[in-house]
Amino acid sequence: MRAPEHIETTRLVWRKPTQADAETIFTRYSKGSEGVSSMPPDQPRSVPRDILAGFLAICTVLGISIHQRIVGADLRLVFLLTGAAFYVAGFARGRSRPVNIWLKGLLISSPGVLGTAALIMNDGLHRLLVPAAITITATLATVSGAQTRRFWSSARRRALFLASVTAALGVVAFFSVPALVAYSSLKIARRSVQPFTMSPSDGSTVASRDFRGRVVVLAFWTSWCLPCVSELPELHVVYTRFAHNPQVVFWAVDANWGGETPEKARTFLARRKLSLPWAFDSGGAARALGVDSLPTIIILDQEGNVSMAHFGYDASERLNAHLSDRIEQLLNHPARAK
């Protein structure tokens, strides 16, 4: 009887995949048609280049926004520019390390904090949702661009599908901006006000106690404030609508910031042919009403309390309708508007 042959067996042991395994898989997956890996070996240089790509993207957004005066005009264009610039940056750097796509997106979009800081400096802390949404837009666009580039060599259909989905989401975001801006800019809250005074254009003095019994619209601005330049003509339209109603009072209040003078205010309004009643804040009106950024519109109810505050300006948010609706509520249903 023959002895049984020795049979060798292989023992399979499972272990948790490591980062090296992930990089090996990604390197094989990212090979082009020639079978040559598209992943560069110089990972230490990849991070600075990612940050540089993001820096170029945010500089492009800021440069175009300032040159074309988009900020303070229409934030939909800011969102569109941000998404496009960071998508291109992500696509340009998508085939390099790090392997983790979200880490890649965060590295490239990190210089976008410059744009976020610029918006916060312009609008104060009242509209934080807007810069937060722009930051999220930059990050998601970067991730999408980088992933599209990684799909491009070996899965072209996936790449085109992802690019199409990104474009569709961009359209949805574009048309959602007005609602976002209105939600973050409008504050409906009733609060009392400390006494204050203003100096109208004729050199007299108007005190807050003189406003009792009427709805008062106070628009704070300066001649050097670019969003104010865009907002005042819209305010003038609302003023014209209620000009013959003695129960409604409008004042375009120069905030007396940054070297403003009554002469500058008068020249500014005359040059733009705005017939709004205007006053100069010489008695702490901005401080009493909590105004710390420009432009800001405050509506006082018939009892002299703040009924509505609007911070910043954007052409997409239908400011005329918001102001007119609030004034009508206070005139027709003052108890309901409280």
Protein backbone atom coordinates (compact mmCIF):
# COMPACT_ATOMS: atom_id res chain seq x y z
CA MET A 1 0.00 0.00 0.00
CA ARG A 2 1.41 3.37 -1.12
CA ALA A 3 1.90 6.09 1.44
CA PRO A 4 -0.23 9.22 0.83
CA GLU A 5 1.57 12.03 -0.90
CA HIS A 6 2.34 15.11 1.10
CA ILE A 7 -0.12 17.84 0.26
CA GLU A 8 0.97 21.41 0.94
CA THR A 9 -1.68 23.80 2.12
CA THR A 10 -1.67 27.58 2.14
CA ARG A 11 -3.11 29.41 5.06
CA LEU A 12 -4.94 32.61 4.18
CA VAL A 13 -4.71 35.35 6.80
CA TRP A 14 -6.85 38.48 6.55
CA ARG A 15 -5.35 41.78 7.58
CA LYS A 16 -6.66 45.34 7.51
CA PRO A 17 -5.61 47.22 4.34
CA THR A 18 -2.92 49.82 4.93
CA GLN A 19 -2.31 53.21 3.35
CA ALA A 20 0.40 51.61 1.18
CA ASP A 21 -2.19 49.15 -0.18
CA ALA A 22 -4.52 52.03 -1.03
CA GLU A 23 -1.75 53.88 -2.86
CA THR A 24 -0.83 50.74 -4.81
CA ILE A 25 -4.42 50.18 -5.90
CA PHE A 26 -4.85 53.83 -6.82
CA THR A 27 -1.57 53.82 -8.81
CA ARG A 28 -2.70 50.80 -10.83
CA TYR A 29 -6.16 52.27 -11.36
CA SER A 30 -4.80 55.60 -12.53
CA LYS A 31 -2.57 54.14 -15.26
CA GLY A 32 -3.20 55.45 -18.72
CA SER A 33 -3.66 53.48 -21.91
CA GLU A 34 0.11 52.94 -22.21
CA GLY A 35 0.21 51.26 -18.82
CA VAL A 36 2.39 53.95 -17.30
CA SER A 37 1.37 55.27 -13.90
CA SER A 38 0.16 58.87 -13.88
CA MET A 39 0.97 59.31 -10.20
CA PRO A 40 4.13 61.35 -9.67
CA PRO A 41 6.57 59.97 -7.11
CA ASP A 42 7.32 63.36 -5.52
CA GLN A 43 4.56 63.48 -2.90
CA PRO A 44 6.33 66.16 -0.77
CA ARG A 45 6.01 68.60 -3.68
CA SER A 46 2.38 67.74 -4.34
CA VAL A 47 0.93 69.53 -1.30
CA PRO A 48 2.50 72.94 -2.03
CA ARG A 49 1.37 72.65 -5.64
CA ASP A 50 -2.17 71.84 -4.53
CA ILE A 51 -2.22 74.92 -2.29
CA LEU A 52 -0.75 77.02 -5.09
CA ALA A 53 -3.51 75.85 -7.45
CA GLY A 54 -6.13 76.89 -4.90
CA PHE A 55 -4.39 80.21 -4.38
CA LEU A 56 -4.49 80.91 -8.12
CA ALA A 57 -8.19 79.97 -8.16
CA ILE A 58 -9.17 82.34 -5.35
CA CYS A 59 -7.01 85.13 -6.81
CA THR A 60 -8.90 84.69 -10.09
CA VAL A 61 -12.25 84.89 -8.29
CA LEU A 62 -11.27 87.97 -6.26
CA GLY A 63 -9.64 89.69 -9.22
CA ILE A 64 -12.67 89.31 -11.49
CA SER A 65 -15.09 90.19 -8.67
CA ILE A 66 -13.25 93.41 -7.83
CA HIS A 67 -12.61 94.45 -11.43
CA GLN A 68 -16.22 93.82 -12.48
CA ARG A 69 -17.65 94.99 -9.13
CA ILE A 70 -19.58 91.76 -8.69
CA VAL A 71 -19.45 91.76 -4.88
CA GLY A 72 -22.29 94.00 -3.79
CA ALA A 73 -24.00 93.53 -7.13
CA ASP A 74 -24.97 89.86 -7.66
CA LEU A 75 -23.63 87.05 -5.49
CA ARG A 76 -24.88 84.45 -7.96
CA LEU A 77 -21.91 85.36 -10.14
CA VAL A 78 -19.56 84.98 -7.16
CA PHE A 79 -20.86 81.44 -6.57
CA LEU A 80 -20.55 80.66 -10.29
CA LEU A 81 -16.99 81.99 -10.48
CA THR A 82 -15.96 80.17 -7.31
CA GLY A 83 -17.34 76.84 -8.47
CA ALA A 84 -15.78 77.12 -11.93
CA ALA A 85 -12.35 78.27 -10.71
CA PHE A 86 -11.99 75.55 -8.06
CA TYR A 87 -13.37 72.85 -10.36
CA VAL A 88 -10.59 73.69 -12.83
CA ALA A 89 -8.03 73.70 -10.00
CA GLY A 90 -9.21 70.29 -8.81
CA PHE A 91 -9.15 68.89 -12.34
CA ALA A 92 -5.64 70.22 -12.91
CA ARG A 93 -4.29 68.58 -9.73
CA GLY A 94 -6.53 65.51 -9.57
CA ARG A 95 -3.97 62.90 -10.67
CA SER A 96 -1.43 63.74 -8.00
CA ARG A 97 -1.24 62.61 -4.39
CA PRO A 98 -2.72 62.53 -1.73
CA VAL A 99 -4.88 59.55 -2.65
CA ASN A 100 -7.82 60.51 -0.39
CA ILE A 101 -10.05 62.64 -2.60
CA TRP A 102 -11.52 64.66 0.29
CA LEU A 103 -8.10 65.48 1.68
CA LYS A 104 -7.13 66.50 -1.84
CA GLY A 105 -10.15 68.78 -2.08
CA LEU A 106 -9.49 70.39 1.28
CA LEU A 107 -5.84 71.08 0.39
CA ILE A 108 -6.67 72.76 -2.91
CA SER A 109 -9.66 74.74 -1.61
CA SER A 110 -7.93 75.88 1.61
CA PRO A 111 -6.78 79.23 0.12
CA GLY A 112 -10.47 79.99 -0.37
CA VAL A 113 -10.49 81.28 3.20
CA LEU A 114 -9.10 84.51 1.70
CA GLY A 115 -12.38 85.02 -0.12
CA THR A 116 -14.35 84.06 2.98
CA ALA A 117 -12.41 86.61 5.03
CA ALA A 118 -13.03 89.29 2.41
CA LEU A 119 -16.79 88.71 2.53
CA ILE A 120 -16.85 88.74 6.33
CA MET A 121 -14.87 92.00 6.36
CA ASN A 122 -17.34 93.48 3.88
CA ASP A 123 -20.58 92.29 5.51
CA GLY A 124 -19.60 91.78 9.13
CA LEU A 125 -20.84 88.73 11.02
CA HIS A 126 -24.49 89.18 10.09
CA ARG A 127 -24.43 87.09 6.89
CA LEU A 128 -22.13 84.23 7.85
CA LEU A 129 -24.26 81.76 5.89
CA VAL A 130 -23.12 83.36 2.63
CA PRO A 131 -19.33 82.93 3.06
CA ALA A 132 -19.95 79.50 4.59
CA ALA A 133 -21.93 78.45 1.51
CA ILE A 134 -19.22 79.78 -0.80
CA THR A 135 -16.56 77.83 1.13
CA ILE A 136 -18.60 74.62 0.78
CA THR A 137 -19.07 75.35 -2.92
CA ALA A 138 -15.32 75.71 -3.41
CA THR A 139 -14.58 72.44 -1.59
CA LEU A 140 -17.22 70.37 -3.41
CA ALA A 141 -16.24 71.81 -6.80
CA THR A 142 -12.60 70.96 -6.12
CA VAL A 143 -13.41 67.38 -5.12
CA SER A 144 -15.59 66.96 -8.19
CA GLY A 145 -12.90 68.32 -10.49
CA ALA A 146 -10.22 66.09 -8.97
CA GLN A 147 -12.40 62.97 -9.16
CA THR A 148 -13.33 63.75 -12.76
CA ARG A 149 -9.63 63.89 -13.64
CA ARG A 150 -9.01 60.52 -11.95
CA PHE A 151 -11.84 58.94 -13.92
CA TRP A 152 -10.75 60.54 -17.20
CA SER A 153 -8.08 58.03 -18.31
CA SER A 154 -9.77 54.74 -17.48
CA ALA A 155 -13.48 55.53 -17.03
CA ARG A 156 -14.34 58.32 -19.46
CA ARG A 157 -18.10 57.79 -19.16
CA ARG A 158 -17.94 58.14 -15.39
CA ALA A 159 -15.93 61.31 -15.78
CA LEU A 160 -18.47 62.83 -18.17
CA PHE A 161 -21.35 61.77 -15.93
CA LEU A 162 -19.72 63.34 -12.87
CA ALA A 163 -19.04 66.55 -14.79
CA SER A 164 -22.69 66.66 -15.90
CA VAL A 165 -23.95 66.14 -12.35
CA THR A 166 -21.62 68.90 -11.11
CA ALA A 167 -22.94 71.29 -13.76
CA ALA A 168 -26.56 70.45 -12.84
CA LEU A 169 -25.88 71.07 -9.16
CA GLY A 170 -24.24 74.35 -10.11
CA VAL A 171 -27.42 75.47 -11.86
CA VAL A 172 -29.50 74.55 -8.80
CA ALA A 173 -27.12 76.46 -6.54
CA PHE A 174 -27.21 79.47 -8.87
CA PHE A 175 -30.97 79.80 -8.57
CA SER A 176 -30.91 79.12 -4.81
CA VAL A 177 -28.62 82.06 -4.00
CA PRO A 178 -31.40 84.73 -3.75
CA ALA A 179 -33.25 82.72 -1.08
CA LEU A 180 -30.01 82.11 0.82
CA VAL A 181 -29.06 85.80 0.74
CA ALA A 182 -32.52 86.93 1.81
CA TYR A 183 -32.60 84.44 4.69
CA SER A 184 -29.19 85.55 5.98
CA SER A 185 -29.71 89.29 5.42
CA LEU A 186 -33.18 89.85 6.85
CA LYS A 187 -33.66 89.93 10.60
CA ILE A 188 -37.22 90.32 11.89
CA ALA A 189 -37.03 91.12 15.57
CA ARG A 190 -38.67 93.72 17.76
CA ARG A 191 -36.33 95.52 20.16
CA SER A 192 -36.16 98.89 21.84
CA VAL A 193 -33.78 101.66 20.78
CA GLN A 194 -31.70 104.10 22.78
CA PRO A 195 -32.39 107.79 21.97
CA PHE A 196 -30.34 109.27 19.14
CA THR A 197 -30.21 112.32 16.88
CA MET A 198 -29.31 113.03 13.24
CA SER A 199 -28.49 116.15 11.23
CA PRO A 200 -30.60 116.52 8.07
CA SER A 201 -29.28 118.26 4.97
CA ASP A 202 -30.71 121.63 6.07
CA GLY A 203 -28.52 121.68 9.19
CA SER A 204 -31.32 121.10 11.72
CA THR A 205 -31.51 118.26 14.24
CA VAL A 206 -33.92 115.34 14.22
CA ALA A 207 -34.36 113.20 17.34
CA SER A 208 -35.60 109.62 17.51
CA ARG A 209 -38.55 110.70 19.62
CA ASP A 210 -39.83 112.69 16.62
CA PHE A 211 -40.50 109.44 14.76
CA ARG A 212 -43.21 108.16 17.09
CA GLY A 213 -46.49 107.30 15.36
CA ARG A 214 -44.90 106.67 11.93
CA VAL A 215 -43.03 103.89 10.14
CA VAL A 216 -39.42 104.99 9.68
CA VAL A 217 -36.91 103.58 7.18
CA LEU A 218 -33.27 104.41 7.99
CA ALA A 219 -30.69 103.38 5.36
CA PHE A 220 -27.09 103.71 6.54
CA TRP A 221 -24.47 104.28 3.86
CA THR A 222 -21.26 106.14 2.93
CA SER A 223 -20.01 107.52 -0.36
CA TRP A 224 -17.07 105.05 -0.46
CA CYS A 225 -19.20 101.93 0.15
CA LEU A 226 -19.61 100.12 -3.20
CA PRO A 227 -22.66 98.01 -2.17
CA CYS A 228 -24.29 101.23 -0.90
CA VAL A 229 -23.93 102.73 -4.37
CA SER A 230 -25.99 99.84 -5.75
CA GLU A 231 -28.52 99.79 -2.91
CA LEU A 232 -29.50 103.48 -2.79
CA PRO A 233 -31.24 103.51 -6.22
CA GLU A 234 -33.39 100.55 -5.12
CA LEU A 235 -34.20 102.33 -1.89
CA HIS A 236 -35.17 105.38 -3.95
CA VAL A 237 -37.77 103.25 -5.79
CA VAL A 238 -39.37 102.23 -2.49
CA TYR A 239 -39.23 105.83 -1.28
CA THR A 240 -41.06 106.99 -4.41
CA ARG A 241 -43.79 104.42 -3.80
CA PHE A 242 -44.53 105.73 -0.27
CA ALA A 243 -43.53 109.38 -0.79
CA HIS A 244 -47.12 110.62 -0.52
CA ASN A 245 -47.93 108.64 2.62
CA PRO A 246 -47.39 110.84 5.70
CA GLN A 247 -47.24 107.73 7.88
CA VAL A 248 -43.95 106.60 6.30
CA VAL A 249 -40.61 108.44 6.69
CA PHE A 250 -37.40 107.70 4.79
CA TRP A 251 -33.89 108.81 5.71
CA ALA A 252 -30.68 107.93 3.89
CA VAL A 253 -28.26 108.31 6.79
CA ASP A 254 -24.58 108.89 6.08
CA ALA A 255 -22.91 106.82 8.81
CA ASN A 256 -20.09 109.34 9.30
CA TRP A 257 -17.42 106.64 8.90
CA GLY A 258 -14.08 106.79 7.13
CA GLY A 259 -13.70 110.54 6.74
CA GLU A 260 -17.22 111.25 5.55
CA THR A 261 -18.52 114.84 5.66
CA PRO A 262 -21.92 116.38 4.91
CA GLU A 263 -20.40 117.94 1.78
CA LYS A 264 -19.33 114.54 0.47
CA ALA A 265 -22.78 113.13 1.13
CA ARG A 266 -24.50 116.02 -0.63
CA THR A 267 -22.21 115.79 -3.66
CA PHE A 268 -22.60 112.02 -3.87
CA LEU A 269 -26.42 112.10 -3.93
CA ALA A 270 -26.57 115.05 -6.30
CA ARG A 271 -24.21 113.37 -8.77
CA ARG A 272 -26.46 110.30 -8.88
CA LYS A 273 -29.65 112.40 -9.00
CA LEU A 274 -31.16 110.75 -5.93
CA SER A 275 -33.81 112.87 -4.22
CA LEU A 276 -33.90 110.79 -1.05
CA PRO A 277 -34.15 112.76 2.20
CA TRP A 278 -30.73 112.38 3.77
CA ALA A 279 -29.12 113.07 7.11
CA PHE A 280 -25.68 112.90 8.67
CA ASP A 281 -25.14 110.73 11.72
CA SER A 282 -23.81 113.22 14.20
CA GLY A 283 -25.68 111.90 17.24
CA GLY A 284 -24.86 108.20 17.55
CA ALA A 285 -27.70 106.81 15.43
CA ALA A 286 -25.63 103.91 14.09
CA ARG A 287 -24.42 103.00 17.58
CA ALA A 288 -27.90 103.19 19.08
CA LEU A 289 -29.35 100.97 16.35
CA GLY A 290 -26.52 98.43 16.40
CA VAL A 291 -25.22 99.23 12.92
CA ASP A 292 -21.68 97.87 12.48
CA SER A 293 -21.49 97.19 8.74
CA LEU A 294 -22.61 98.86 5.53
CA PRO A 295 -25.06 99.01 3.97
CA THR A 296 -27.65 98.45 6.70
CA ILE A 297 -31.36 99.27 6.61
CA ILE A 298 -33.36 99.60 9.83
CA ILE A 299 -37.17 99.87 9.91
CA LEU A 300 -38.75 101.32 13.06
CA ASP A 301 -42.38 100.69 13.93
CA GLN A 302 -44.88 103.28 15.12
CA GLU A 303 -43.69 102.88 18.70
CA GLY A 304 -40.06 103.62 17.83
CA ASN A 305 -38.83 100.03 18.15
CA VAL A 306 -36.75 98.18 15.60
CA SER A 307 -39.06 96.02 13.50
CA MET A 308 -36.69 94.82 10.79
CA ALA A 309 -32.99 94.99 9.98
CA HIS A 310 -31.40 94.25 6.64
CA PHE A 311 -27.64 93.79 6.35
CA GLY A 312 -25.58 93.98 3.17
CA TYR A 313 -26.83 94.18 -0.39
CA ASP A 314 -27.25 91.81 -3.30
CA ALA A 315 -29.14 92.52 -6.50
CA SER A 316 -30.62 89.02 -6.66
CA GLU A 317 -32.67 89.14 -3.44
CA ARG A 318 -35.58 91.46 -4.40
CA LEU A 319 -34.85 94.10 -1.77
CA ASN A 320 -37.69 96.34 -2.99
CA ALA A 321 -40.27 93.65 -2.34
CA HIS A 322 -38.93 92.82 1.14
CA LEU A 323 -38.95 96.46 2.26
CA SER A 324 -42.35 97.23 0.73
CA ASP A 325 -43.96 94.15 2.26
CA ARG A 326 -42.68 95.01 5.75
CA ILE A 327 -43.82 98.62 5.49
CA GLU A 328 -47.28 97.50 4.34
CA GLN A 329 -47.51 95.06 7.26
CA LEU A 330 -46.68 97.79 9.77
CA LEU A 331 -49.17 100.19 8.17
CA ASN A 332 -52.08 97.79 7.79
CA HIS A 333 -51.51 95.25 10.58
CA PRO A 334 -49.18 96.79 13.17
CA ALA A 335 -50.12 94.29 15.87
CA ARG A 336 -49.47 91.32 13.58
CA ALA A 337 -46.10 92.71 12.48
CA LYS A 338 -44.77 92.81 16.06
